[in-house]
Amino acid sequence: MVGGINEAGLAVGGGNYSPGGASWHAVLWDGTRLPDLNSLLDASVANAGWVLTGANGINDKGWIVGNAYNSISHVEHAFLMTPVPEPETYALLLPG
């Protein structure tokens, strides 16, 4: 399921990642790969039971919005993911 696409051609949505068809995960399509956005979550967030179940939109800055579910408290919530530069990219942004 496609949720949104930005000017760079990055698309977000949801995909079924379980053999029985019971587990939807948020994904990002970059034209060659389809990574599960849950792989980008901090371990403490994942250990707290949160699963990103679908991505609904992505803007031209790479901000992704979608739905999350907590398997421990059984609560649904919206999420916002923002890109974080890789350390070597961040170093290039520093003055001097």
PDB file of N, CA and C in Angstrom:
ATOM      1  N   MET A   1       0.835  -1.160   0.000  1.00  0.00           N
ATOM      2  CA  MET A   1       0.000   0.000   0.000  1.00  0.00           C
ATOM      3  C   MET A   1       0.893   1.240   0.000  1.00  0.00           C
ATOM      4  N   VAL A   2       0.704   2.118  -0.953  1.00  0.00           N
ATOM      5  CA  VAL A   2       1.477   3.361  -1.022  1.00  0.00           C
ATOM      6  C   VAL A   2       0.739   4.445  -0.268  1.00  0.00           C
ATOM      7  N   GLY A   3       1.461   5.129   0.611  1.00  0.00           N
ATOM      8  CA  GLY A   3       0.869   6.206   1.396  1.00  0.00           C
ATOM      9  C   GLY A   3       1.188   7.585   0.858  1.00  0.00           C
ATOM     10  N   GLY A   4       2.358   7.746   0.257  1.00  0.00           N
ATOM     11  CA  GLY A   4       2.758   9.047  -0.264  1.00  0.00           C
ATOM     12  C   GLY A   4       4.074   8.967  -0.989  1.00  0.00           C
ATOM     13  N   ILE A   5       4.343  10.003  -1.788  1.00  0.00           N
ATOM     14  CA  ILE A   5       5.592  10.089  -2.553  1.00  0.00           C
ATOM     15  C   ILE A   5       6.025  11.547  -2.583  1.00  0.00           C
ATOM     16  N   ASN A   6       7.336  11.780  -2.528  1.00  0.00           N
ATOM     17  CA  ASN A   6       7.818  13.160  -2.563  1.00  0.00           C
ATOM     18  C   ASN A   6       8.476  13.467  -3.913  1.00  0.00           C
ATOM     19  N   GLU A   7       8.957  14.694  -4.064  1.00  0.00           N
ATOM     20  CA  GLU A   7       9.555  15.138  -5.324  1.00  0.00           C
ATOM     21  C   GLU A   7      10.808  14.352  -5.706  1.00  0.00           C
ATOM     22  N   ALA A   8      11.511  13.801  -4.722  1.00  0.00           N
ATOM     23  CA  ALA A   8      12.719  13.015  -4.987  1.00  0.00           C
ATOM     24  C   ALA A   8      12.395  11.589  -5.426  1.00  0.00           C
ATOM     25  N   GLY A   9      11.102  11.233  -5.414  1.00  0.00           N
ATOM     26  CA  GLY A   9      10.702   9.893  -5.819  1.00  0.00           C
ATOM     27  C   GLY A   9      10.715   8.872  -4.700  1.00  0.00           C
ATOM     28  N   LEU A  10      10.903   9.324  -3.460  1.00  0.00           N
ATOM     29  CA  LEU A  10      10.834   8.410  -2.312  1.00  0.00           C
ATOM     30  C   LEU A  10       9.365   8.166  -1.994  1.00  0.00           C
ATOM     31  N   ALA A  11       8.999   6.920  -1.832  1.00  0.00           N
ATOM     32  CA  ALA A  11       7.611   6.562  -1.535  1.00  0.00           C
ATOM     33  C   ALA A  11       7.535   5.848  -0.197  1.00  0.00           C
ATOM     34  N   VAL A  12       6.478   6.100   0.536  1.00  0.00           N
ATOM     35  CA  VAL A  12       6.252   5.435   1.817  1.00  0.00           C
ATOM     36  C   VAL A  12       4.898   4.740   1.790  1.00  0.00           C
ATOM     37  N   GLY A  13       4.744   3.777   2.671  1.00  0.00           N
ATOM     38  CA  GLY A  13       3.480   3.057   2.759  1.00  0.00           C
ATOM     39  C   GLY A  13       3.558   1.986   3.807  1.00  0.00           C
ATOM     40  N   GLY A  14       2.816   0.913   3.573  1.00  0.00           N
ATOM     41  CA  GLY A  14       2.799  -0.200   4.500  1.00  0.00           C
ATOM     42  C   GLY A  14       2.925  -1.501   3.753  1.00  0.00           C
ATOM     43  N   GLY A  15       3.533  -2.459   4.406  1.00  0.00           N
ATOM     44  CA  GLY A  15       3.703  -3.777   3.813  1.00  0.00           C
ATOM     45  C   GLY A  15       3.467  -4.847   4.851  1.00  0.00           C
ATOM     46  N   ASN A  16       3.022  -5.998   4.406  1.00  0.00           N
ATOM     47  CA  ASN A  16       2.745  -7.113   5.297  1.00  0.00           C
ATOM     48  C   ASN A  16       4.038  -7.899   5.499  1.00  0.00           C
ATOM     49  N   TYR A  17       4.557  -7.887   6.713  1.00  0.00           N
ATOM     50  CA  TYR A  17       5.845  -8.511   7.011  1.00  0.00           C
ATOM     51  C   TYR A  17       5.739  -9.800   7.797  1.00  0.00           C
ATOM     52  N   SER A  18       4.544 -10.375   7.908  1.00  0.00           N
ATOM     53  CA  SER A  18       4.425 -11.611   8.682  1.00  0.00           C
ATOM     54  C   SER A  18       3.890 -12.729   7.800  1.00  0.00           C
ATOM     55  N   PRO A  19       4.304 -13.957   8.069  1.00  0.00           N
ATOM     56  CA  PRO A  19       3.848 -15.097   7.271  1.00  0.00           C
ATOM     57  C   PRO A  19       2.337 -15.270   7.295  1.00  0.00           C
ATOM     58  N   GLY A  20       1.695 -14.995   8.437  1.00  0.00           N
ATOM     59  CA  GLY A  20       0.254 -15.162   8.554  1.00  0.00           C
ATOM     60  C   GLY A  20      -0.551 -13.968   8.085  1.00  0.00           C
ATOM     61  N   GLY A  21       0.109 -12.889   7.742  1.00  0.00           N
ATOM     62  CA  GLY A  21      -0.582 -11.712   7.249  1.00  0.00           C
ATOM     63  C   GLY A  21      -1.149 -10.815   8.327  1.00  0.00           C
ATOM     64  N   ALA A  22      -0.664 -10.939   9.563  1.00  0.00           N
ATOM     65  CA  ALA A  22      -1.248 -10.169  10.655  1.00  0.00           C
ATOM     66  C   ALA A  22      -0.423  -8.954  11.058  1.00  0.00           C
ATOM     67  N   SER A  23       0.702  -8.715  10.446  1.00  0.00           N
ATOM     68  CA  SER A  23       1.584  -7.648  10.910  1.00  0.00           C
ATOM     69  C   SER A  23       1.983  -6.714   9.771  1.00  0.00           C
ATOM     70  N   TRP A  24       1.415  -5.522   9.776  1.00  0.00           N
ATOM     71  CA  TRP A  24       1.786  -4.505   8.793  1.00  0.00           C
ATOM     72  C   TRP A  24       2.904  -3.649   9.364  1.00  0.00           C
ATOM     73  N   HIS A  25       3.868  -3.286   8.514  1.00  0.00           N
ATOM     74  CA  HIS A  25       4.985  -2.433   8.919  1.00  0.00           C
ATOM     75  C   HIS A  25       5.125  -1.283   7.936  1.00  0.00           C
ATOM     76  N   ALA A  26       5.556  -0.132   8.457  1.00  0.00           N
ATOM     77  CA  ALA A  26       5.816   1.033   7.626  1.00  0.00           C
ATOM     78  C   ALA A  26       7.091   0.792   6.821  1.00  0.00           C
ATOM     79  N   VAL A  27       7.069   1.185   5.541  1.00  0.00           N
ATOM     80  CA  VAL A  27       8.208   0.969   4.660  1.00  0.00           C
ATOM     81  C   VAL A  27       8.517   2.235   3.868  1.00  0.00           C
ATOM     82  N   LEU A  28       9.732   2.284   3.341  1.00  0.00           N
ATOM     83  CA  LEU A  28      10.195   3.388   2.500  1.00  0.00           C
ATOM     84  C   LEU A  28      10.789   2.796   1.234  1.00  0.00           C
ATOM     85  N   TRP A  29      10.291   3.209   0.084  1.00  0.00           N
ATOM     86  CA  TRP A  29      10.808   2.732  -1.197  1.00  0.00           C
ATOM     87  C   TRP A  29      11.676   3.827  -1.797  1.00  0.00           C
ATOM     88  N   ASP A  30      12.962   3.517  -2.063  1.00  0.00           N
ATOM     89  CA  ASP A  30      13.871   4.510  -2.640  1.00  0.00           C
ATOM     90  C   ASP A  30      14.184   4.227  -4.101  1.00  0.00           C
ATOM     91  N   GLY A  31      13.473   3.298  -4.707  1.00  0.00           N
ATOM     92  CA  GLY A  31      13.701   2.946  -6.102  1.00  0.00           C
ATOM     93  C   GLY A  31      14.457   1.645  -6.265  1.00  0.00           C
ATOM     94  N   THR A  32      15.166   1.225  -5.226  1.00  0.00           N
ATOM     95  CA  THR A  32      15.919  -0.028  -5.292  1.00  0.00           C
ATOM     96  C   THR A  32      15.689  -0.917  -4.076  1.00  0.00           C
ATOM     97  N   ARG A  33      15.394  -0.296  -2.930  1.00  0.00           N
ATOM     98  CA  ARG A  33      15.231  -1.062  -1.690  1.00  0.00           C
ATOM     99  C   ARG A  33      13.882  -0.739  -1.054  1.00  0.00           C
ATOM    100  N   LEU A  34      13.416  -1.651  -0.210  1.00  0.00           N
ATOM    101  CA  LEU A  34      12.168  -1.458   0.522  1.00  0.00           C
ATOM    102  C   LEU A  34      12.400  -1.753   2.006  1.00  0.00           C
ATOM    103  N   PRO A  35      13.167  -0.882   2.691  1.00  0.00           N
ATOM    104  CA  PRO A  35      13.456  -1.158   4.098  1.00  0.00           C
ATOM    105  C   PRO A  35      12.247  -0.924   5.002  1.00  0.00           C
ATOM    106  N   ASP A  36      12.169  -1.721   6.028  1.00  0.00           N
ATOM    107  CA  ASP A  36      11.174  -1.588   7.082  1.00  0.00           C
ATOM    108  C   ASP A  36      11.615  -0.413   7.954  1.00  0.00           C
ATOM    109  N   LEU A  37      10.765   0.595   8.116  1.00  0.00           N
ATOM    110  CA  LEU A  37      11.130   1.759   8.922  1.00  0.00           C
ATOM    111  C   LEU A  37      11.348   1.406  10.391  1.00  0.00           C
ATOM    112  N   ASN A  38      10.811   0.276  10.833  1.00  0.00           N
ATOM    113  CA  ASN A  38      11.036  -0.159  12.215  1.00  0.00           C
ATOM    114  C   ASN A  38      12.507  -0.456  12.477  1.00  0.00           C
ATOM    115  N   SER A  39      13.261  -0.763  11.421  1.00  0.00           N
ATOM    116  CA  SER A  39      14.693  -1.028  11.590  1.00  0.00           C
ATOM    117  C   SER A  39      15.453   0.236  11.982  1.00  0.00           C
ATOM    118  N   LEU A  40      14.821   1.401  11.839  1.00  0.00           N
ATOM    119  CA  LEU A  40      15.458   2.670  12.195  1.00  0.00           C
ATOM    120  C   LEU A  40      15.105   3.143  13.600  1.00  0.00           C
ATOM    121  N   LEU A  41      14.204   2.418  14.257  1.00  0.00           N
ATOM    122  CA  LEU A  41      13.803   2.818  15.606  1.00  0.00           C
ATOM    123  C   LEU A  41      14.907   2.558  16.614  1.00  0.00           C
ATOM    124  N   ASP A  42      15.007   3.435  17.595  1.00  0.00           N
ATOM    125  CA  ASP A  42      15.904   3.216  18.713  1.00  0.00           C
ATOM    126  C   ASP A  42      15.441   1.953  19.442  1.00  0.00           C
ATOM    127  N   ALA A  43      16.379   1.176  19.945  1.00  0.00           N
ATOM    128  CA  ALA A  43      16.053  -0.081  20.619  1.00  0.00           C
ATOM    129  C   ALA A  43      15.100   0.125  21.791  1.00  0.00           C
ATOM    130  N   SER A  44      15.222   1.238  22.496  1.00  0.00           N
ATOM    131  CA  SER A  44      14.341   1.481  23.649  1.00  0.00           C
ATOM    132  C   SER A  44      12.888   1.658  23.204  1.00  0.00           C
ATOM    133  N   VAL A  45      12.682   2.240  22.034  1.00  0.00           N
ATOM    134  CA  VAL A  45      11.321   2.427  21.514  1.00  0.00           C
ATOM    135  C   VAL A  45      10.732   1.079  21.104  1.00  0.00           C
ATOM    136  N   ALA A  46      11.511   0.290  20.388  1.00  0.00           N
ATOM    137  CA  ALA A  46      11.046  -1.039  19.972  1.00  0.00           C
ATOM    138  C   ALA A  46      10.806  -1.939  21.182  1.00  0.00           C
ATOM    139  N   ASN A  47      11.688  -1.885  22.174  1.00  0.00           N
ATOM    140  CA  ASN A  47      11.533  -2.706  23.379  1.00  0.00           C
ATOM    141  C   ASN A  47      10.322  -2.292  24.206  1.00  0.00           C
ATOM    142  N   ALA A  48       9.883  -1.047  24.041  1.00  0.00           N
ATOM    143  CA  ALA A  48       8.694  -0.564  24.743  1.00  0.00           C
ATOM    144  C   ALA A  48       7.413  -1.028  24.050  1.00  0.00           C
ATOM    145  N   GLY A  49       7.548  -1.767  22.944  1.00  0.00           N
ATOM    146  CA  GLY A  49       6.395  -2.351  22.278  1.00  0.00           C
ATOM    147  C   GLY A  49       5.902  -1.625  21.044  1.00  0.00           C
ATOM    148  N   TRP A  50       6.565  -0.529  20.635  1.00  0.00           N
ATOM    149  CA  TRP A  50       6.082   0.253  19.496  1.00  0.00           C
ATOM    150  C   TRP A  50       6.481  -0.377  18.172  1.00  0.00           C
ATOM    151  N   VAL A  51       5.507  -0.414  17.259  1.00  0.00           N
ATOM    152  CA  VAL A  51       5.710  -0.904  15.894  1.00  0.00           C
ATOM    153  C   VAL A  51       5.103   0.128  14.953  1.00  0.00           C
ATOM    154  N   LEU A  52       5.880   0.565  13.964  1.00  0.00           N
ATOM    155  CA  LEU A  52       5.368   1.483  12.946  1.00  0.00           C
ATOM    156  C   LEU A  52       4.595   0.644  11.937  1.00  0.00           C
ATOM    157  N   THR A  53       3.275   0.821  11.895  1.00  0.00           N
ATOM    158  CA  THR A  53       2.417  -0.058  11.104  1.00  0.00           C
ATOM    159  C   THR A  53       2.129   0.454   9.702  1.00  0.00           C
ATOM    160  N   GLY A  54       2.313   1.723   9.464  1.00  0.00           N
ATOM    161  CA  GLY A  54       2.081   2.261   8.123  1.00  0.00           C
ATOM    162  C   GLY A  54       2.556   3.689   8.037  1.00  0.00           C
ATOM    163  N   ALA A  55       3.049   4.070   6.872  1.00  0.00           N
ATOM    164  CA  ALA A  55       3.476   5.448   6.625  1.00  0.00           C
ATOM    165  C   ALA A  55       2.489   6.070   5.649  1.00  0.00           C
ATOM    166  N   ASN A  56       1.977   7.249   5.994  1.00  0.00           N
ATOM    167  CA  ASN A  56       0.929   7.890   5.207  1.00  0.00           C
ATOM    168  C   ASN A  56       1.424   8.992   4.285  1.00  0.00           C
ATOM    169  N   GLY A  57       2.600   9.551   4.575  1.00  0.00           N
ATOM    170  CA  GLY A  57       3.091  10.638   3.751  1.00  0.00           C
ATOM    171  C   GLY A  57       4.556  10.921   4.012  1.00  0.00           C
ATOM    172  N   ILE A  58       5.194  11.548   3.015  1.00  0.00           N
ATOM    173  CA  ILE A  58       6.593  11.978   3.116  1.00  0.00           C
ATOM    174  C   ILE A  58       6.707  13.309   2.401  1.00  0.00           C
ATOM    175  N   ASN A  59       7.352  14.288   3.036  1.00  0.00           N
ATOM    176  CA  ASN A  59       7.517  15.580   2.370  1.00  0.00           C
ATOM    177  C   ASN A  59       8.894  15.660   1.713  1.00  0.00           C
ATOM    178  N   ASP A  60       9.176  16.785   1.082  1.00  0.00           N
ATOM    179  CA  ASP A  60      10.435  16.934   0.349  1.00  0.00           C
ATOM    180  C   ASP A  60      11.651  17.066   1.253  1.00  0.00           C
ATOM    181  N   LYS A  61      11.461  17.268   2.551  1.00  0.00           N
ATOM    182  CA  LYS A  61      12.560  17.272   3.521  1.00  0.00           C
ATOM    183  C   LYS A  61      12.831  15.866   4.055  1.00  0.00           C
ATOM    184  N   GLY A  62      11.978  14.888   3.681  1.00  0.00           N
ATOM    185  CA  GLY A  62      12.145  13.515   4.140  1.00  0.00           C
ATOM    186  C   GLY A  62      11.401  13.189   5.415  1.00  0.00           C
ATOM    187  N   TRP A  63      10.573  14.110   5.908  1.00  0.00           N
ATOM    188  CA  TRP A  63       9.792  13.852   7.114  1.00  0.00           C
ATOM    189  C   TRP A  63       8.688  12.868   6.763  1.00  0.00           C
ATOM    190  N   ILE A  64       8.535  11.839   7.570  1.00  0.00           N
ATOM    191  CA  ILE A  64       7.558  10.783   7.325  1.00  0.00           C
ATOM    192  C   ILE A  64       6.539  10.766   8.461  1.00  0.00           C
ATOM    193  N   VAL A  65       5.257  10.723   8.101  1.00  0.00           N
ATOM    194  CA  VAL A  65       4.185  10.612   9.087  1.00  0.00           C
ATOM    195  C   VAL A  65       3.452   9.297   8.866  1.00  0.00           C
ATOM    196  N   GLY A  66       2.923   8.754   9.951  1.00  0.00           N
ATOM    197  CA  GLY A  66       2.210   7.498   9.819  1.00  0.00           C
ATOM    198  C   GLY A  66       1.571   7.059  11.117  1.00  0.00           C
ATOM    199  N   ASN A  67       1.281   5.762  11.180  1.00  0.00           N
ATOM    200  CA  ASN A  67       0.605   5.162  12.319  1.00  0.00           C
ATOM    201  C   ASN A  67       1.531   4.185  13.041  1.00  0.00           C
ATOM    202  N   ALA A  68       1.390   4.141  14.352  1.00  0.00           N
ATOM    203  CA  ALA A  68       2.162   3.208  15.173  1.00  0.00           C
ATOM    204  C   ALA A  68       1.212   2.494  16.120  1.00  0.00           C
ATOM    205  N   TYR A  69       1.620   1.306  16.537  1.00  0.00           N
ATOM    206  CA  TYR A  69       0.824   0.501  17.467  1.00  0.00           C
ATOM    207  C   TYR A  69       1.738  -0.016  18.563  1.00  0.00           C
ATOM    208  N   ASN A  70       1.247   0.028  19.803  1.00  0.00           N
ATOM    209  CA  ASN A  70       2.013  -0.509  20.913  1.00  0.00           C
ATOM    210  C   ASN A  70       1.438  -1.867  21.292  1.00  0.00           C
ATOM    211  N   SER A  71       2.249  -2.897  21.100  1.00  0.00           N
ATOM    212  CA  SER A  71       1.803  -4.269  21.349  1.00  0.00           C
ATOM    213  C   SER A  71       1.679  -4.601  22.838  1.00  0.00           C
ATOM    214  N   ILE A  72       2.202  -3.739  23.703  1.00  0.00           N
ATOM    215  CA  ILE A  72       2.108  -3.963  25.143  1.00  0.00           C
ATOM    216  C   ILE A  72       0.846  -3.309  25.710  1.00  0.00           C
ATOM    217  N   SER A  73       0.640  -2.033  25.380  1.00  0.00           N
ATOM    218  CA  SER A  73      -0.518  -1.296  25.915  1.00  0.00           C
ATOM    219  C   SER A  73      -1.717  -1.318  24.974  1.00  0.00           C
ATOM    220  N   HIS A  74      -1.530  -1.838  23.748  1.00  0.00           N
ATOM    221  CA  HIS A  74      -2.591  -1.925  22.739  1.00  0.00           C
ATOM    222  C   HIS A  74      -3.163  -0.551  22.390  1.00  0.00           C
ATOM    223  N   VAL A  75      -2.270   0.423  22.269  1.00  0.00           N
ATOM    224  CA  VAL A  75      -2.637   1.794  21.930  1.00  0.00           C
ATOM    225  C   VAL A  75      -2.121   2.106  20.531  1.00  0.00           C
ATOM    226  N   GLU A  76      -2.922   2.845  19.763  1.00  0.00           N
ATOM    227  CA  GLU A  76      -2.472   3.336  18.456  1.00  0.00           C
ATOM    228  C   GLU A  76      -2.126   4.806  18.598  1.00  0.00           C
ATOM    229  N   HIS A  77      -1.130   5.236  17.806  1.00  0.00           N
ATOM    230  CA  HIS A  77      -0.681   6.622  17.891  1.00  0.00           C
ATOM    231  C   HIS A  77      -0.090   7.027  16.550  1.00  0.00           C
ATOM    232  N   ALA A  78      -0.082   8.309  16.280  1.00  0.00           N
ATOM    233  CA  ALA A  78       0.591   8.830  15.085  1.00  0.00           C
ATOM    234  C   ALA A  78       2.080   8.949  15.364  1.00  0.00           C
ATOM    235  N   PHE A  79       2.902   8.913  14.299  1.00  0.00           N
ATOM    236  CA  PHE A  79       4.337   9.150  14.468  1.00  0.00           C
ATOM    237  C   PHE A  79       4.837  10.126  13.415  1.00  0.00           C
ATOM    238  N   LEU A  80       5.959  10.766  13.734  1.00  0.00           N
ATOM    239  CA  LEU A  80       6.681  11.635  12.811  1.00  0.00           C
ATOM    240  C   LEU A  80       8.137  11.231  12.883  1.00  0.00           C
ATOM    241  N   MET A  81       8.710  10.854  11.746  1.00  0.00           N
ATOM    242  CA  MET A  81      10.143  10.547  11.671  1.00  0.00           C
ATOM    243  C   MET A  81      10.810  11.655  10.872  1.00  0.00           C
ATOM    244  N   THR A  82      11.934  12.130  11.355  1.00  0.00           N
ATOM    245  CA  THR A  82      12.709  13.124  10.619  1.00  0.00           C
ATOM    246  C   THR A  82      14.099  12.564  10.370  1.00  0.00           C
ATOM    247  N   PRO A  83      14.664  12.837   9.190  1.00  0.00           N
ATOM    248  CA  PRO A  83      15.990  12.292   8.887  1.00  0.00           C
ATOM    249  C   PRO A  83      17.066  12.907   9.770  1.00  0.00           C
ATOM    250  N   VAL A  84      18.045  12.096  10.111  1.00  0.00           N
ATOM    251  CA  VAL A  84      19.203  12.533  10.881  1.00  0.00           C
ATOM    252  C   VAL A  84      20.423  12.305   9.996  1.00  0.00           C
ATOM    253  N   PRO A  85      21.215  13.357   9.761  1.00  0.00           N
ATOM    254  CA  PRO A  85      22.398  13.165   8.909  1.00  0.00           C
ATOM    255  C   PRO A  85      23.352  12.131   9.491  1.00  0.00           C
ATOM    256  N   GLU A  86      23.982  11.370   8.604  1.00  0.00           N
ATOM    257  CA  GLU A  86      25.023  10.442   9.043  1.00  0.00           C
ATOM    258  C   GLU A  86      26.188  11.262   9.562  1.00  0.00           C
ATOM    259  N   PRO A  87      26.984  10.720  10.504  1.00  0.00           N
ATOM    260  CA  PRO A  87      28.069  11.503  11.109  1.00  0.00           C
ATOM    261  C   PRO A  87      29.007  12.146  10.089  1.00  0.00           C
ATOM    262  N   GLU A  88      29.378  11.422   9.038  1.00  0.00           N
ATOM    263  CA  GLU A  88      30.289  12.017   8.069  1.00  0.00           C
ATOM    264  C   GLU A  88      29.614  13.131   7.272  1.00  0.00           C
ATOM    265  N   THR A  89      28.301  13.026   7.035  1.00  0.00           N
ATOM    266  CA  THR A  89      27.563  14.083   6.355  1.00  0.00           C
ATOM    267  C   THR A  89      27.445  15.282   7.262  1.00  0.00           C
ATOM    268  N   TYR A  90      27.187  15.054   8.542  1.00  0.00           N
ATOM    269  CA  TYR A  90      27.064  16.123   9.510  1.00  0.00           C
ATOM    270  C   TYR A  90      28.379  16.907   9.599  1.00  0.00           C
ATOM    271  N   ALA A  91      29.488  16.221   9.540  1.00  0.00           N
ATOM    272  CA  ALA A  91      30.788  16.884   9.604  1.00  0.00           C
ATOM    273  C   ALA A  91      30.970  17.838   8.435  1.00  0.00           C
ATOM    274  N   LEU A  92      30.410  17.485   7.294  1.00  0.00           N
ATOM    275  CA  LEU A  92      30.513  18.355   6.135  1.00  0.00           C
ATOM    276  C   LEU A  92      29.703  19.630   6.299  1.00  0.00           C
ATOM    277  N   LEU A  93      28.703  19.606   7.162  1.00  0.00           N
ATOM    278  CA  LEU A  93      27.851  20.764   7.386  1.00  0.00           C
ATOM    279  C   LEU A  93      28.482  21.752   8.368  1.00  0.00           C
ATOM    280  N   LEU A  94      29.493  21.330   9.096  1.00  0.00           N
ATOM    281  CA  LEU A  94      30.129  22.202  10.068  1.00  0.00           C
ATOM    282  C   LEU A  94      30.965  23.264   9.362  1.00  0.00           C
ATOM    283  N   PRO A  95      30.992  24.472   9.888  1.00  0.00           N
ATOM    284  CA  PRO A  95      31.792  25.532   9.260  1.00  0.00           C
ATOM    285  C   PRO A  95      33.289  25.233   9.360  1.00  0.00           C
ATOM    286  N   GLY A  96      33.999  25.689   8.350  1.00  0.00           N
ATOM    287  CA  GLY A  96      35.455  25.583   8.369  1.00  0.00           C
ATOM    288  C   GLY A  96      35.932  24.344   7.759  1.00  0.00           C
TER     289      GLY A  96
END
